[in-house]
Protein backbone atom coordinates (compact mmCIF):
# COMPACT_ATOMS: atom_id res chain seq x y z
CA UNK A 1 77.79 112.52 128.17
CA UNK A 2 79.34 110.11 125.70
CA UNK A 3 80.11 110.07 122.07
CA UNK A 4 76.89 107.94 121.56
CA UNK A 5 74.69 109.88 123.78
CA UNK A 6 75.57 113.17 122.19
CA UNK A 7 75.36 111.70 118.55
CA UNK A 8 71.90 110.55 119.61
CA UNK A 9 70.89 114.11 121.23
CA UNK A 10 72.24 116.03 117.90
CA UNK A 11 70.35 113.59 115.07
CA UNK A 12 67.09 114.22 117.30
CA UNK A 13 68.07 117.91 116.91
CA UNK A 14 68.38 117.63 113.70
CA UNK A 15 65.06 115.76 113.61
CA UNK A 16 62.97 118.79 115.02
CA UNK A 17 65.03 121.02 113.59
CA UNK A 18 62.96 123.61 111.04
CA UNK A 19 65.79 124.55 108.81
CA UNK A 20 66.13 121.31 107.71
CA UNK A 21 64.33 119.65 104.14
CA UNK A 22 61.62 116.99 104.94
CA UNK A 23 63.85 114.84 102.31
CA UNK A 24 67.14 114.97 105.02
CA UNK A 25 64.85 114.07 107.96
CA UNK A 26 63.22 111.41 106.33
CA UNK A 27 66.91 110.01 105.35
CA UNK A 28 67.25 110.05 109.28
CA UNK A 29 64.31 108.60 109.83
CA UNK A 30 65.53 105.35 107.98
CA UNK A 31 68.34 104.90 110.50
CA UNK A 32 66.35 105.22 113.68
CA UNK A 33 67.09 102.83 116.34
CA UNK A 34 70.57 102.11 114.72
CA UNK A 35 73.00 103.07 117.35
CA UNK A 36 75.96 102.61 115.45
CA UNK A 37 75.31 104.42 112.46
CA UNK A 38 73.55 107.55 113.95
CA UNK A 39 76.74 107.62 115.74
CA UNK A 40 78.79 107.38 113.37
CA UNK A 41 77.10 110.28 111.27
CA UNK A 42 76.99 112.60 114.54
CA UNK A 43 79.64 111.70 116.80
CA UNK A 44 81.70 115.04 115.54
CA UNK A 45 81.90 117.50 112.84
CA UNK A 46 83.73 117.26 109.27
CA UNK A 47 87.02 118.44 110.21
CA UNK A 48 89.77 120.55 108.23
CA UNK A 49 92.33 118.21 107.21
CA UNK A 50 95.32 118.34 104.66
CA UNK A 51 92.75 118.24 101.91
CA UNK A 52 89.76 120.22 103.46
CA UNK A 53 86.70 119.47 104.57
CA UNK A 54 86.09 115.53 103.03
CA UNK A 55 83.19 112.73 104.45
CA UNK A 56 80.90 110.55 103.01
CA UNK A 57 77.53 112.55 101.89
CA UNK A 58 74.78 111.94 103.73
CA UNK A 59 72.75 113.77 106.47
CA UNK A 60 74.72 114.23 109.62
CA UNK A 61 77.09 116.66 111.33
CA UNK A 62 79.80 114.14 109.72
CA UNK A 63 78.81 114.27 106.67
CA UNK A 64 79.04 116.00 103.51
CA UNK A 65 75.42 117.40 102.77
CA UNK A 66 74.08 121.20 101.95
CA UNK A 67 73.90 122.17 105.70
CA UNK A 68 77.42 121.61 106.36
CA UNK A 69 78.72 122.85 103.13
CA UNK A 70 76.03 125.90 103.98
CA UNK A 71 77.46 126.19 107.29
CA UNK A 72 80.90 125.93 106.39
CA UNK A 73 80.50 128.65 103.97
CA UNK A 74 78.66 130.75 106.51
CA UNK A 75 81.44 130.95 108.32
CA UNK A 76 84.27 131.59 105.65
CA UNK A 77 82.05 134.22 104.61
CA UNK A 78 82.32 135.79 108.01
CA UNK A 79 86.33 135.46 108.30
CA UNK A 80 86.70 136.94 104.08
CA UNK A 81 84.06 139.93 105.37
CA UNK A 82 86.19 140.69 108.99
CA UNK A 83 89.08 140.91 106.32
CA UNK A 84 88.00 142.59 103.46
CA UNK A 85 85.45 145.28 102.38
CA UNK A 86 84.88 143.35 99.42
CA UNK A 87 85.36 140.35 98.89
CA UNK A 88 85.37 137.74 95.97
CA UNK A 89 85.70 134.06 95.46
CA UNK A 90 86.36 131.82 92.74
CA UNK A 91 84.12 128.39 92.81
CA UNK A 92 84.77 125.54 91.01
CA UNK A 93 83.74 121.58 90.93
CA UNK A 94 85.03 117.94 89.94
CA UNK A 95 82.47 115.46 88.50
CA UNK A 96 81.06 114.13 91.78
CA UNK A 97 77.73 113.38 92.67
CA UNK A 98 76.02 117.00 94.12
CA UNK A 99 79.38 118.29 93.35
CA UNK A 100 77.28 121.43 91.36
CA UNK A 101 74.88 121.23 93.95
CA UNK A 102 77.55 121.54 96.37
CA UNK A 103 79.11 124.41 94.40
CA UNK A 104 75.71 126.73 93.69
CA UNK A 105 74.73 126.19 97.40
CA UNK A 106 78.39 127.45 98.56
CA UNK A 107 77.77 130.35 95.86
CA UNK A 108 74.46 131.69 97.32
CA UNK A 109 75.24 131.65 100.71
CA UNK A 110 78.51 133.88 99.95
CA UNK A 111 76.31 135.90 97.87
CA UNK A 112 73.72 136.75 100.89
CA UNK A 113 76.62 137.65 102.60
CA UNK A 114 77.63 140.48 100.04
CA UNK A 115 80.79 138.04 98.62
CA UNK A 116 81.10 138.49 94.77
CA UNK A 117 80.75 134.84 93.53
CA UNK A 118 82.91 133.78 90.16
CA UNK A 119 81.69 130.05 89.55
CA UNK A 120 82.75 128.07 86.49
CA UNK A 121 79.74 126.59 84.69
CA UNK A 122 80.80 122.83 84.59
CA UNK A 123 83.46 120.49 85.92
CA UNK A 124 87.10 122.03 86.05
CA UNK A 125 90.69 120.78 87.36
CA UNK A 126 91.52 122.14 91.09
CA UNK A 127 94.56 123.61 89.94
CA UNK A 128 92.84 125.75 87.61
CA UNK A 129 90.58 127.23 90.33
CA UNK A 130 94.12 127.67 92.11
CA UNK A 131 95.26 129.81 88.77
CA UNK A 132 91.98 131.65 88.51
CA UNK A 133 92.12 133.10 91.81
CA UNK A 134 95.08 134.36 90.89
CA UNK A 135 94.23 135.11 87.95
CA UNK A 136 90.87 136.99 88.60
CA UNK A 137 92.77 138.86 92.29
CA UNK A 138 90.34 136.98 94.08
CA UNK A 139 90.34 136.78 97.93
CA UNK A 140 89.63 133.04 98.10
CA UNK A 141 88.38 130.32 96.36
CA UNK A 142 86.49 126.65 96.85
CA UNK A 143 86.80 123.61 95.09
CA UNK A 144 83.96 120.86 95.64
CA UNK A 145 85.91 117.48 95.23
CA UNK A 146 87.13 114.81 97.38
CA UNK A 147 90.05 114.07 95.17
CA UNK A 148 90.27 110.51 94.46
CA UNK A 149 88.24 108.83 97.07
CA UNK A 150 85.56 106.55 96.32
CA UNK A 151 82.22 107.74 94.79
CA UNK A 152 80.36 108.03 97.91
CA UNK A 153 82.80 110.75 99.19
CA UNK A 154 83.19 114.25 98.45
CA UNK A 155 84.69 117.30 99.73
CA UNK A 156 85.49 121.14 100.05
CA UNK A 157 88.52 122.34 99.59
CA UNK A 158 89.35 126.25 100.59
CA UNK A 159 91.61 128.76 99.00
CA UNK A 160 93.78 132.17 100.02
CA UNK A 161 93.62 135.26 97.83
CA UNK A 162 97.19 133.34 96.74
CA UNK A 163 95.51 130.31 95.10
CA UNK A 164 96.89 128.29 97.78
CA UNK A 165 94.71 126.08 100.21
CA UNK A 166 93.81 127.56 103.65
CA UNK A 167 97.45 126.37 105.89
CA UNK A 168 96.52 125.53 109.74
CA UNK A 169 96.38 129.23 111.17
CA UNK A 170 93.82 130.11 108.46
CA UNK A 171 92.02 127.32 108.99
CA UNK A 172 91.60 127.56 112.11
CA UNK A 173 90.25 130.75 112.00
CA UNK A 174 87.53 129.61 109.62
CA UNK A 175 86.71 126.84 111.80
CA UNK A 176 86.49 129.39 114.95
CA UNK A 177 83.85 131.10 112.39
CA UNK A 178 81.81 128.33 111.99
CA UNK A 179 81.79 127.39 115.41
CA UNK A 180 80.10 130.83 115.64
CA UNK A 181 77.42 130.19 113.08
CA UNK A 182 75.48 127.89 115.66
CA UNK A 183 71.82 126.91 113.52
CA UNK A 184 71.19 126.19 110.54
CA UNK A 185 68.74 129.33 110.47
CA UNK A 186 71.94 131.39 110.78
CA UNK A 187 73.22 130.26 107.08
CA UNK A 188 72.47 133.31 105.21
CA UNK A 189 71.21 132.36 101.09
CA UNK A 190 70.44 134.57 98.45
CA UNK A 191 67.78 132.87 95.41
CA UNK A 192 70.11 132.46 92.41
CA UNK A 193 68.12 134.81 90.18
CA UNK A 194 68.39 137.69 92.85
CA UNK A 195 72.68 137.11 93.37
CA UNK A 196 73.06 136.97 89.09
CA UNK A 197 70.95 140.48 89.05
CA UNK A 198 72.60 141.97 91.53
CA UNK A 199 76.21 140.65 90.08
CA UNK A 200 76.90 138.77 93.26
CA UNK A 201 76.78 135.64 91.26
CA UNK A 202 79.25 135.65 88.22
CA UNK A 203 79.59 133.21 85.41
CA UNK A 204 82.98 132.48 84.15
CA UNK A 205 82.71 131.46 80.47
CA UNK A 206 85.39 130.00 77.91
CA UNK A 207 88.02 132.84 78.08
CA UNK A 208 89.05 131.59 81.84
CA UNK A 209 89.61 128.31 79.77
CA UNK A 210 91.54 129.81 77.22
CA UNK A 211 94.03 131.76 79.58
CA UNK A 212 94.61 128.84 81.63
CA UNK A 213 95.51 126.85 79.02
CA UNK A 214 97.45 129.08 77.29
CA UNK A 215 99.88 129.36 80.44
CA UNK A 216 100.26 126.13 81.20
CA UNK A 217 101.43 125.38 77.47
CA UNK A 218 103.91 128.11 77.94
CA UNK A 219 105.74 126.02 80.96
CA UNK A 220 106.69 123.31 78.69
CA UNK A 221 110.34 122.84 79.01
CA UNK A 222 111.47 122.61 75.75
CA UNK A 223 109.27 125.16 73.24
CA UNK A 224 111.89 124.79 70.71
CA UNK A 225 111.80 120.92 70.04
CA UNK A 226 108.53 120.68 70.39
CA UNK A 227 107.61 123.16 67.70
CA UNK A 228 109.96 120.88 65.60
CA UNK A 229 107.79 117.82 66.06
CA UNK A 230 109.44 116.13 68.87
CA UNK A 231 105.88 115.41 70.34
CA UNK A 232 104.45 113.78 67.45
CA UNK A 233 107.57 110.76 68.05
CA UNK A 234 105.52 109.06 71.15
CA UNK A 235 102.33 107.78 71.61
CA UNK A 236 100.15 108.58 74.80
CA UNK A 237 97.23 107.20 75.96
CA UNK A 238 95.53 109.25 77.62
CA UNK A 239 92.42 108.46 80.45
CA UNK A 240 90.82 111.11 82.91
CA UNK A 241 89.37 108.34 84.99
CA UNK A 242 85.50 110.04 84.35
CA UNK A 243 87.06 113.36 86.03
CA UNK A 244 87.78 117.18 84.85
CA UNK A 245 91.37 116.62 83.36
CA UNK A 246 89.79 115.32 79.92
CA UNK A 247 89.30 118.46 77.97
CA UNK A 248 92.02 121.03 79.49
CA UNK A 249 95.19 117.98 79.15
CA UNK A 250 93.97 116.86 75.78
CA UNK A 251 93.99 120.70 75.00
CA UNK A 252 97.34 121.24 76.19
CA UNK A 253 99.32 118.03 74.61
CA UNK A 254 97.51 119.23 71.42
CA UNK A 255 98.86 122.55 71.49
CA UNK A 256 101.81 121.62 72.61
CA UNK A 257 102.31 119.41 69.32
CA UNK A 258 101.11 115.55 70.83
CA UNK A 259 99.68 114.11 68.00
CA UNK A 260 99.41 111.31 68.83
CA UNK A 261 97.19 110.84 71.89
CA UNK A 262 94.29 107.97 72.40
CA UNK A 263 91.78 108.36 74.85
CA UNK A 264 90.03 105.76 76.73
CA UNK A 265 86.52 106.11 75.68
CA UNK A 266 84.82 104.37 78.10
CA UNK A 267 86.55 106.47 81.31
CA UNK A 268 86.41 109.42 78.66
CA UNK A 269 82.93 111.14 80.02
CA UNK A 270 81.89 112.56 83.58
CA UNK A 271 80.55 109.92 85.99
CA UNK A 272 80.24 110.33 89.50
CA UNK A 273 80.14 107.04 90.16
CA UNK A 274 83.71 105.56 88.68
CA UNK A 275 81.44 103.17 87.28
CA UNK A 276 84.80 101.56 84.96
CA UNK A 277 87.00 101.12 88.03
CA UNK A 278 86.98 100.38 91.65
CA UNK A 279 88.99 103.36 92.50
CA UNK A 280 89.49 106.78 90.54
CA UNK A 281 92.89 106.60 91.90
CA UNK A 282 96.50 106.97 89.33
CA UNK A 283 98.02 105.78 92.42
CA UNK A 284 96.55 102.43 91.62
CA UNK A 285 97.66 100.53 88.49
CA UNK A 286 94.08 98.66 88.88
CA UNK A 287 92.97 102.33 87.35
CA UNK A 288 94.99 101.88 84.57
CA UNK A 289 93.09 98.61 83.01
CA UNK A 290 91.55 99.85 80.28
CA UNK A 291 94.39 102.33 79.09
CA UNK A 292 96.61 99.20 79.49
CA UNK A 293 94.64 97.35 77.00
CA UNK A 294 94.18 100.36 74.44
CA UNK A 295 98.13 100.78 74.91
CA UNK A 296 99.13 97.21 73.88
CA UNK A 297 97.15 97.43 70.93
CA UNK A 298 98.57 101.02 70.04
CA UNK A 299 101.62 99.89 70.65
CA UNK A 300 101.90 103.32 72.91
CA UNK A 301 105.12 104.73 74.82
CA UNK A 302 103.43 106.42 77.93
CA UNK A 303 100.31 106.11 79.61
CA UNK A 304 99.06 109.00 81.86
CA UNK A 305 96.02 108.76 84.48
CA UNK A 306 94.48 111.94 86.18
CA UNK A 307 92.47 111.34 89.05
CA UNK A 308 89.02 113.31 89.24
CA UNK A 309 89.43 116.89 89.85
CA UNK A 310 93.05 116.40 88.06
CA UNK A 311 95.35 117.44 90.22
CA UNK A 312 97.14 114.18 90.58
CA UNK A 313 98.94 112.45 87.38
CA UNK A 314 100.03 109.04 87.72
CA UNK A 315 102.17 107.73 84.73
CA UNK A 316 102.77 103.75 82.98
CA UNK A 317 105.62 103.53 80.69
CA UNK A 318 106.76 100.67 78.42
CA UNK A 319 110.52 99.47 79.12
CA UNK A 320 112.42 98.08 76.26
CA UNK A 321 110.95 94.81 76.29
CA UNK A 322 107.44 96.02 75.87
CA UNK A 323 106.30 95.75 79.30
CA UNK A 324 104.00 98.45 80.76
CA UNK A 325 105.61 99.64 83.95
CA UNK A 326 103.77 101.86 86.53
CA UNK A 327 106.09 104.24 87.63
CA UNK A 328 105.94 105.15 91.52
CA UNK A 329 105.03 109.22 92.25
CA UNK A 330 108.42 109.13 93.87
CA UNK A 331 110.07 108.27 90.21
CA UNK A 332 107.76 110.17 87.96
CA UNK A 333 108.53 113.15 90.32
CA UNK A 334 112.27 112.50 89.92
CA UNK A 335 112.13 111.97 86.29
CA UNK A 336 110.39 115.36 85.80
CA UNK A 337 113.08 117.12 87.85
CA UNK A 338 115.86 115.80 86.00
CA UNK A 339 114.28 116.47 83.07
CA UNK A 340 113.30 120.13 83.42
CA UNK A 341 116.33 120.60 85.11
CA UNK A 342 118.50 119.37 82.43
CA UNK A 343 116.72 121.67 79.94
CA UNK A 344 117.24 124.63 81.76
CA UNK A 345 120.76 124.09 82.61
CA UNK A 346 121.02 122.97 78.61
CA UNK A 347 119.40 126.42 77.76
CA UNK A 348 121.93 128.76 80.67
CA UNK A 349 118.70 129.32 81.97
CA UNK A 350 118.77 127.61 85.71
CA UNK A 351 119.26 130.49 88.58
CA UNK A 352 121.37 130.51 91.06
CA UNK A 353 118.48 130.39 93.54
CA UNK A 354 117.00 127.75 92.36
CA UNK A 355 114.81 125.69 94.74
CA UNK A 356 112.92 122.71 94.40
CA UNK A 357 110.22 121.87 97.34
CA UNK A 358 109.32 118.24 98.31
CA UNK A 359 107.44 117.23 101.47
CA UNK A 360 108.92 114.96 104.65
CA UNK A 361 107.38 111.92 103.32
CA UNK A 362 108.84 112.27 99.82
CA UNK A 363 111.72 110.02 98.56
CA UNK A 364 115.43 111.75 98.94
CA UNK A 365 116.13 111.04 95.47
CA UNK A 366 114.45 114.08 93.76
CA UNK A 367 116.32 116.01 96.37
CA UNK A 368 119.92 114.68 95.47
CA UNK A 369 118.97 115.06 91.77
CA UNK A 370 117.84 119.05 91.99
CA UNK A 371 120.88 119.08 94.22
CA UNK A 372 123.26 117.73 91.39
CA UNK A 373 121.86 120.82 89.19
CA UNK A 374 122.78 122.94 91.99
CA UNK A 375 119.06 123.25 93.42
CA UNK A 376 118.65 123.86 97.09
CA UNK A 377 115.68 121.57 98.30
CA UNK A 378 113.13 122.37 100.74
CA UNK A 379 111.05 120.03 102.69
CA UNK A 380 107.64 121.11 104.00
CA UNK A 381 104.85 118.83 105.82
CA UNK A 382 102.48 116.64 104.01
CA UNK A 383 99.85 118.64 102.37
CA UNK A 384 100.48 120.43 99.11
CA UNK A 385 99.52 123.81 100.69
CA UNK A 386 102.79 123.98 102.78
CA UNK A 387 104.76 123.67 99.38
CA UNK A 388 101.92 126.73 98.11
CA UNK A 389 103.11 128.57 101.29
CA UNK A 390 106.60 128.44 100.20
CA UNK A 391 106.28 129.56 97.10
CA UNK A 392 103.88 132.54 98.52
CA UNK A 393 106.75 133.25 100.53
CA UNK A 394 109.58 133.55 97.76
CA UNK A 395 107.40 135.45 95.78
CA UNK A 396 107.35 138.36 98.88
CA UNK A 397 110.77 138.29 99.27
CA UNK A 398 112.47 137.40 95.86
CA UNK A 399 115.42 135.40 97.45
CA UNK A 400 114.34 131.91 96.39
CA UNK A 401 113.47 130.95 92.42
CA UNK A 402 110.89 128.42 92.75
CA UNK A 403 111.42 125.49 89.89
CA UNK A 404 109.49 122.52 90.81
CA UNK A 405 107.17 121.27 94.04
CA UNK A 406 106.28 118.01 94.39
CA UNK A 407 104.74 114.97 96.81
CA UNK A 408 104.90 111.33 96.59
CA UNK A 409 100.96 111.28 96.39
CA UNK A 410 101.53 112.09 92.76
CA UNK A 411 101.22 115.70 92.76
CA UNK A 412 103.25 118.40 90.64
CA UNK A 413 103.73 121.75 90.28
CA UNK A 414 106.25 123.69 87.63
CA UNK A 415 105.97 127.73 87.13
CA UNK A 416 103.93 129.77 89.92
CA UNK A 417 101.04 130.43 87.65
CA UNK A 418 98.88 128.33 90.68
CA UNK A 419 99.83 127.22 94.01
CA UNK A 420 98.08 123.67 94.23
CA UNK A 421 99.81 120.80 92.37
CA UNK A 422 98.69 120.67 88.43
CA UNK A 423 97.92 117.57 86.65
CA UNK A 424 97.78 119.46 83.39
CA UNK A 425 101.31 120.44 83.54
CA UNK A 426 102.43 117.38 85.10
CA UNK A 427 101.33 115.22 81.98
CA UNK A 428 102.71 117.99 79.82
CA UNK A 429 106.26 117.50 81.53
CA UNK A 430 106.24 113.41 81.40
CA UNK A 431 105.16 113.37 78.09
CA UNK A 432 108.03 115.76 77.28
CA UNK A 433 110.73 113.83 78.69
CA UNK A 434 108.61 110.29 77.37
CA UNK A 435 109.61 111.68 73.87
CA UNK A 436 112.79 113.82 74.68
CA UNK A 437 114.56 110.62 75.47
CA UNK A 438 112.64 108.39 73.12
CA UNK A 439 115.01 110.73 70.47
CA UNK A 440 118.01 109.20 72.42
CA UNK A 441 116.66 105.49 72.13
CA UNK A 442 115.70 105.45 75.60
CA UNK A 443 112.13 104.95 77.35
CA UNK A 444 111.48 106.60 80.97
CA UNK A 445 112.51 103.48 82.56
CA UNK A 446 116.23 103.33 81.16
CA UNK A 447 116.53 107.07 82.71
CA UNK A 448 115.10 105.75 85.56
CA UNK A 449 117.88 103.21 85.84
CA UNK A 450 121.07 105.53 84.95
CA UNK A 451 119.68 107.25 87.38
CA UNK A 452 120.09 104.63 89.82
CA UNK A 453 122.88 103.97 89.17
CA UNK A 454 124.68 107.56 89.79
CA UNK A 455 122.45 107.76 92.76
CA UNK A 456 121.58 104.38 94.46
CA UNK A 457 118.64 102.48 93.93
CA UNK A 458 115.55 104.15 95.88
CA UNK A 459 112.74 102.22 96.89
CA UNK A 460 109.46 103.17 98.39
CA UNK A 461 106.06 101.72 99.98
CA UNK A 462 103.27 103.10 101.48
CA UNK A 463 100.83 101.11 104.23
CA UNK A 464 97.76 102.33 105.47
CA UNK A 465 94.90 101.05 107.97
CA UNK A 466 91.51 102.49 107.86
CA UNK A 467 90.18 102.38 110.79
CA UNK A 468 86.55 103.87 110.91
CA UNK A 469 84.31 105.83 113.04
CA UNK A 470 84.87 106.42 117.09
CA UNK A 471 86.56 103.66 118.13
CA UNK A 472 89.18 103.75 114.79
CA UNK A 473 89.86 107.14 115.48
CA UNK A 474 90.80 105.75 119.16
CA UNK A 475 92.75 103.65 117.87
CA UNK A 476 94.92 105.87 115.52
CA UNK A 477 95.24 108.16 118.65
CA UNK A 478 96.99 105.33 120.72
CA UNK A 479 99.05 104.42 117.78
CA UNK A 480 100.92 107.62 117.47
CA UNK A 481 101.38 107.76 121.21
CA UNK A 482 102.70 104.27 121.68
CA UNK A 483 105.06 104.31 119.20
CA UNK A 484 106.21 108.29 120.39
CA UNK A 485 106.39 107.11 123.80
CA UNK A 486 108.27 103.63 123.21
CA UNK A 487 110.13 104.52 120.22
CA UNK A 488 111.70 101.51 118.49
CA UNK A 489 115.60 101.33 119.05
CA UNK A 490 116.33 99.06 116.49
CA UNK A 491 114.81 97.40 113.60
CA UNK A 492 115.82 94.19 111.80
CA UNK A 493 118.94 94.97 113.58
CA UNK A 494 119.43 98.64 111.90
CA UNK A 495 119.64 101.09 115.16
CA UNK A 496 117.25 103.89 114.88
CA UNK A 497 119.85 106.63 114.77
CA UNK A 498 116.60 109.41 115.81
CA UNK A 499 112.58 110.28 116.33
CA UNK A 500 111.62 113.00 114.41
CA UNK A 501 108.80 114.24 116.58
CA UNK A 502 107.17 116.55 114.17
CA UNK A 503 104.26 117.51 117.01
CA UNK A 504 106.77 119.62 118.41
CA UNK A 505 107.28 121.57 115.26
CA UNK A 506 110.40 120.73 114.07
CA UNK A 507 112.61 122.43 111.42
CA UNK A 508 110.56 125.41 111.68
CA UNK A 509 107.33 123.75 110.79
CA UNK A 510 104.20 123.92 112.08
CA UNK A 511 103.15 121.02 114.69
CA UNK A 512 101.58 117.96 112.74
CA UNK A 513 100.85 114.73 114.65
CA UNK A 514 103.71 113.16 112.42
CA UNK A 515 106.45 110.45 113.13
CA UNK A 516 109.73 109.67 111.80
CA UNK A 517 112.53 107.34 112.40
CA UNK A 518 115.93 107.45 110.66
CA UNK A 519 117.33 104.24 110.68
CA UNK A 520 121.77 103.89 110.82
CA UNK A 521 121.73 102.52 107.40
CA UNK A 522 119.74 105.24 105.91
CA UNK A 523 115.94 104.07 105.74
CA UNK A 524 113.53 105.59 107.36
CA UNK A 525 109.86 105.26 107.75
CA UNK A 526 107.10 107.64 108.65
CA UNK A 527 103.66 107.49 110.70
CA UNK A 528 101.12 109.85 109.97
CA UNK A 529 97.44 109.67 110.79
CA UNK A 530 95.72 111.28 107.12
CA UNK A 531 93.73 114.44 107.46
CA UNK A 532 90.92 113.48 105.18
CA UNK A 533 90.32 109.83 106.02
CA UNK A 534 90.16 107.09 108.66
CA UNK A 535 93.21 106.05 107.78
CA UNK A 536 96.55 105.70 109.65
CA UNK A 537 99.70 105.71 106.96
CA UNK A 538 103.14 104.45 107.30
CA UNK A 539 105.86 105.28 104.61
CA UNK A 540 108.84 103.77 103.98
CA UNK A 541 111.97 104.22 102.08
CA UNK A 542 115.43 102.83 101.54
CA UNK A 543 118.36 103.74 99.31
CA UNK A 544 120.26 100.71 98.39
CA UNK A 545 123.53 99.71 96.15
CA UNK A 546 121.01 97.62 94.03
CA UNK A 547 117.32 96.65 93.20
CA UNK A 548 117.59 93.15 94.73
CA UNK A 549 119.74 94.42 97.92
CA UNK A 550 117.06 97.29 98.84
CA UNK A 551 113.99 95.07 97.66
CA UNK A 552 114.96 92.64 100.44
CA UNK A 553 115.96 95.91 102.92
CA UNK A 554 112.35 97.11 102.21
CA UNK A 555 110.48 93.88 102.84
CA UNK A 556 112.32 93.00 106.54
CA UNK A 557 111.33 96.67 107.27
CA UNK A 558 107.72 96.72 106.39
CA UNK A 559 107.39 93.56 108.08
CA UNK A 560 108.92 94.43 111.16
CA UNK A 561 106.77 97.73 111.30
CA UNK A 562 103.64 96.72 110.50
CA UNK A 563 103.30 93.99 112.77
CA UNK A 564 103.51 96.00 115.68
CA UNK A 565 100.89 98.86 114.11
CA UNK A 566 98.86 95.88 113.05
CA UNK A 567 99.16 94.36 116.43
CA UNK A 568 97.68 97.92 117.57
CA UNK A 569 95.37 98.31 115.40
């Protein structure tokens, strides 16, 4: 039976399932006869990727809805109860459509399985969930979010008792339990009033927010200078992009002494449509359009933006000419490493066993900077859960002191209070760095230039191709297999010294479908299917003596590689 036929069978099964409500069936009847749409909704079940469960909202097995959330949660409950006599879970959500409803649905399924749930009443940042799991001694956590995806998406991230997103071994166990659930009539669900009366549904109050904010503020790199008013010397524009960062980011910056913070009013309030941007993604300069207008009016030094669940932070900085320059995730990470480790060194607090953890697709510039301070650098697979996993290991053995973790996709963490990237602490650190260097008459662009002079001009670029549906998935598989079986010998005259096939589990890392090609001139590129979107991503990195040379090398590299990818896509 082909994918189209299997989808049609599942489609009819949903229409005839007494456990599915009339509104959902009406949505499905509206696509009757549309074989392509039916196939896309039912050709598979949503898969756990680097960000957990994520997909377009709507009816179907390949969609985010109350039924897929309920079934996933029933499987999660079975996994937790197999490990714990009395389990507890913390749940948070962002500003997306259906996020509060999905969060409550998950809570009531867990409660029906005898699991205590601590539920935030309103939207909260993903890193606060990670912190709360640890602070409350819970056995797991759930965040309802699709990060920076378009408005039609939502998602379901699962965390372990350390506040870390599930790594593959645990995720596979949960998936196996989900597969055992069977029909939706097997999903247990307790009424809200009953769950509250039984003490199985417990609402978190503002004390949880206060504890988190206190903890983040305590991780400022130079509290002494901030206490002396350093923060008031820099003008900041902040946009939460209609997401969960508004209150915590502003509260932390205010507590740390940043008295000149202006918020983009049109993007301040939660909005599941993200109506002022094409995409609520701080990786894209277009998301800063309104913030840039306000920055020019105010003569701001720094613009900060956070995504809907406030785990990614993007920054735009003013240079000496008054122009605003968007920093890449790699550049922001390098600047924060330089500032943080420099502050620790100046105070004599830089540990001998300090470690910076980054992903295999993240620039080597931050690694070079970290090593210059005597820190060890450790690489992980893509996904902050692998960084969190390393942190947990260091805490257990005590052999390494975690200093900073980051990935090129704008995710950063300093401190061990959480096990996920945190745009709140990143907002604080980049603001501190801007204020610190401004006292020296420098912009962050100036500091970046100094780092280039010292370590080489690093340049990175990301290309992606969206390939939707069954056909798209097959094309992505074919592209990866073609590059794996027919690797290039050279690229624009530069020999390919080696191909790193991470599907084989290189360097002690778990197997993952990633190919990285190392060139003799020090450049590299990496092919990786997205774990959360129907995309294939291609990462590029070069290092040269000058910006001109770096750009020329990059242009040739991207053009050559993407010509082959596009021919296959």
